[in-house]
Amino acid sequence: MTDKCSMYDMADKEVINLHDGQRLGYITDAEIDINTGQVVSFLIEGRRRFFGFLGKEPDISIKWEEIEKIGVDMILIRKESVEIKQIEGRRFYY
């Protein structure tokens, strides 16, 4: 198995929280530090409520340090506390 993975490959993997077993969704975007070129966090788009007519839940941000394991078809994270934070007009869970 290779030690490298593309963003395209990451988007196909489901994110599971080991702390509570919750299925969080799929990665839709990444935040990268432009000075170092390293991935800072991944973003998961919030779930839509009633087909999007009632809006959607806040987006979830997964910090690189919270990732426990990247497997063949899922990403396991450990995220103990969840709080909502506003960043540049978007809300993220931390």
C-alpha atoms as a PDB file:
ATOM      1  CA  MET A   1       0.000   0.000   0.000  1.00  0.00           C
ATOM      2  CA  THR A   2       1.247   3.496  -0.832  1.00  0.00           C
ATOM      3  CA  ASP A   3       1.930   6.303   1.645  1.00  0.00           C
ATOM      4  CA  LYS A   4       0.321   8.890  -0.653  1.00  0.00           C
ATOM      5  CA  CYS A   5      -3.308   9.714  -1.338  1.00  0.00           C
ATOM      6  CA  SER A   6      -4.925  12.284  -3.619  1.00  0.00           C
ATOM      7  CA  MET A   7      -7.779  14.602  -2.646  1.00  0.00           C
ATOM      8  CA  TYR A   8      -9.917  12.713  -5.159  1.00  0.00           C
ATOM      9  CA  ASP A   9      -9.263   9.473  -3.233  1.00  0.00           C
ATOM     10  CA  MET A  10      -9.967  11.153   0.123  1.00  0.00           C
ATOM     11  CA  ALA A  11     -13.410  12.320  -1.071  1.00  0.00           C
ATOM     12  CA  ASP A  12     -14.478   8.679  -1.606  1.00  0.00           C
ATOM     13  CA  LYS A  13     -13.768   7.707   2.015  1.00  0.00           C
ATOM     14  CA  GLU A  14     -16.409   8.000   4.730  1.00  0.00           C
ATOM     15  CA  VAL A  15     -15.331   9.762   7.944  1.00  0.00           C
ATOM     16  CA  ILE A  16     -16.188   7.949  11.209  1.00  0.00           C
ATOM     17  CA  ASN A  17     -15.700   9.401  14.708  1.00  0.00           C
ATOM     18  CA  LEU A  18     -14.178   6.778  17.038  1.00  0.00           C
ATOM     19  CA  HIS A  19     -15.291   8.709  20.127  1.00  0.00           C
ATOM     20  CA  ASP A  20     -19.023   8.158  19.559  1.00  0.00           C
ATOM     21  CA  GLY A  21     -19.220   5.993  16.410  1.00  0.00           C
ATOM     22  CA  GLN A  22     -20.979   8.726  14.435  1.00  0.00           C
ATOM     23  CA  ARG A  23     -20.767   8.752  10.651  1.00  0.00           C
ATOM     24  CA  LEU A  24     -19.841  12.336   9.772  1.00  0.00           C
ATOM     25  CA  GLY A  25     -19.964  12.180   5.983  1.00  0.00           C
ATOM     26  CA  TYR A  26     -17.446  12.589   3.178  1.00  0.00           C
ATOM     27  CA  ILE A  27     -14.625  15.099   2.735  1.00  0.00           C
ATOM     28  CA  THR A  28     -15.544  17.945   0.391  1.00  0.00           C
ATOM     29  CA  ASP A  29     -12.597  20.323   0.769  1.00  0.00           C
ATOM     30  CA  ALA A  30      -9.199  20.754   2.418  1.00  0.00           C
ATOM     31  CA  GLU A  31      -7.482  23.668   4.129  1.00  0.00           C
ATOM     32  CA  ILE A  32      -3.788  23.934   3.263  1.00  0.00           C
ATOM     33  CA  ASP A  33      -1.120  26.156   4.822  1.00  0.00           C
ATOM     34  CA  ILE A  34       0.278  28.013   1.802  1.00  0.00           C
ATOM     35  CA  ASN A  35       3.585  28.726   3.557  1.00  0.00           C
ATOM     36  CA  THR A  36       4.425  25.082   4.343  1.00  0.00           C
ATOM     37  CA  GLY A  37       2.202  23.249   1.840  1.00  0.00           C
ATOM     38  CA  GLN A  38       0.858  20.981   4.593  1.00  0.00           C
ATOM     39  CA  VAL A  39      -2.777  20.020   5.073  1.00  0.00           C
ATOM     40  CA  VAL A  40      -4.206  21.785   8.144  1.00  0.00           C
ATOM     41  CA  SER A  41      -7.727  20.354   8.106  1.00  0.00           C
ATOM     42  CA  PHE A  42     -10.402  18.683   5.994  1.00  0.00           C
ATOM     43  CA  LEU A  43     -13.955  19.948   5.596  1.00  0.00           C
ATOM     44  CA  ILE A  44     -17.163  17.936   5.521  1.00  0.00           C
ATOM     45  CA  GLU A  45     -20.240  19.696   4.179  1.00  0.00           C
ATOM     46  CA  GLY A  46     -23.141  19.815   6.639  1.00  0.00           C
ATOM     47  CA  ARG A  47     -26.108  17.544   6.016  1.00  0.00           C
ATOM     48  CA  ARG A  48     -29.096  19.048   4.263  1.00  0.00           C
ATOM     49  CA  ARG A  49     -32.361  19.205   6.193  1.00  0.00           C
ATOM     50  CA  PHE A  50     -35.509  18.078   4.379  1.00  0.00           C
ATOM     51  CA  PHE A  51     -33.940  18.000   0.890  1.00  0.00           C
ATOM     52  CA  GLY A  52     -32.324  21.411   1.492  1.00  0.00           C
ATOM     53  CA  PHE A  53     -35.604  23.285   1.947  1.00  0.00           C
ATOM     54  CA  LEU A  54     -34.843  23.802   5.648  1.00  0.00           C
ATOM     55  CA  GLY A  55     -31.197  24.707   5.070  1.00  0.00           C
ATOM     56  CA  LYS A  56     -28.325  22.554   6.228  1.00  0.00           C
ATOM     57  CA  GLU A  57     -26.342  21.753   9.321  1.00  0.00           C
ATOM     58  CA  PRO A  58     -23.024  23.560   9.845  1.00  0.00           C
ATOM     59  CA  ASP A  59     -19.957  22.247   8.036  1.00  0.00           C
ATOM     60  CA  ILE A  60     -17.543  20.109  10.035  1.00  0.00           C
ATOM     61  CA  SER A  61     -13.802  20.799  10.169  1.00  0.00           C
ATOM     62  CA  ILE A  62     -11.482  17.872  10.916  1.00  0.00           C
ATOM     63  CA  LYS A  63      -7.977  18.898  11.988  1.00  0.00           C
ATOM     64  CA  TRP A  64      -5.110  16.800  10.672  1.00  0.00           C
ATOM     65  CA  GLU A  65      -4.120  15.873  14.237  1.00  0.00           C
ATOM     66  CA  GLU A  66      -7.572  14.323  14.877  1.00  0.00           C
ATOM     67  CA  ILE A  67      -7.112  11.694  12.157  1.00  0.00           C
ATOM     68  CA  GLU A  68      -6.302   8.293  13.675  1.00  0.00           C
ATOM     69  CA  LYS A  69      -6.196   6.148  10.523  1.00  0.00           C
ATOM     70  CA  ILE A  70      -6.799   6.522   6.792  1.00  0.00           C
ATOM     71  CA  GLY A  71      -8.010   3.188   5.487  1.00  0.00           C
ATOM     72  CA  VAL A  72      -8.981   1.804   2.110  1.00  0.00           C
ATOM     73  CA  ASP A  73     -12.604   2.982   2.308  1.00  0.00           C
ATOM     74  CA  MET A  74     -12.881   5.086   5.486  1.00  0.00           C
ATOM     75  CA  ILE A  75     -11.108   7.670   7.622  1.00  0.00           C
ATOM     76  CA  LEU A  76     -11.179   7.173  11.388  1.00  0.00           C
ATOM     77  CA  ILE A  77     -10.949  10.264  13.576  1.00  0.00           C
ATOM     78  CA  ARG A  78     -11.145  10.951  17.309  1.00  0.00           C
ATOM     79  CA  LYS A  79     -13.122  14.096  18.067  1.00  0.00           C
ATOM     80  CA  GLU A  80     -14.294  14.256  21.683  1.00  0.00           C
ATOM     81  CA  SER A  81     -15.984  17.650  21.931  1.00  0.00           C
ATOM     82  CA  VAL A  82     -18.051  19.483  19.355  1.00  0.00           C
ATOM     83  CA  GLU A  83     -18.510  23.226  19.359  1.00  0.00           C
ATOM     84  CA  ILE A  84     -19.692  25.540  16.589  1.00  0.00           C
ATOM     85  CA  LYS A  85     -17.320  28.233  15.388  1.00  0.00           C
ATOM     86  CA  GLN A  86     -17.823  30.902  12.713  1.00  0.00           C
ATOM     87  CA  ILE A  87     -14.948  31.246  10.218  1.00  0.00           C
ATOM     88  CA  GLU A  88     -15.088  33.663   7.286  1.00  0.00           C
ATOM     89  CA  GLY A  89     -18.850  33.462   6.931  1.00  0.00           C
ATOM     90  CA  ARG A  90     -18.967  29.660   7.314  1.00  0.00           C
ATOM     91  CA  ARG A  91     -19.728  27.695  10.475  1.00  0.00           C
ATOM     92  CA  PHE A  92     -17.638  24.689  11.408  1.00  0.00           C
ATOM     93  CA  TYR A  93     -17.796  22.106  14.176  1.00  0.00           C
ATOM     94  CA  TYR A  94     -14.587  21.834  16.218  1.00  0.00           C
END
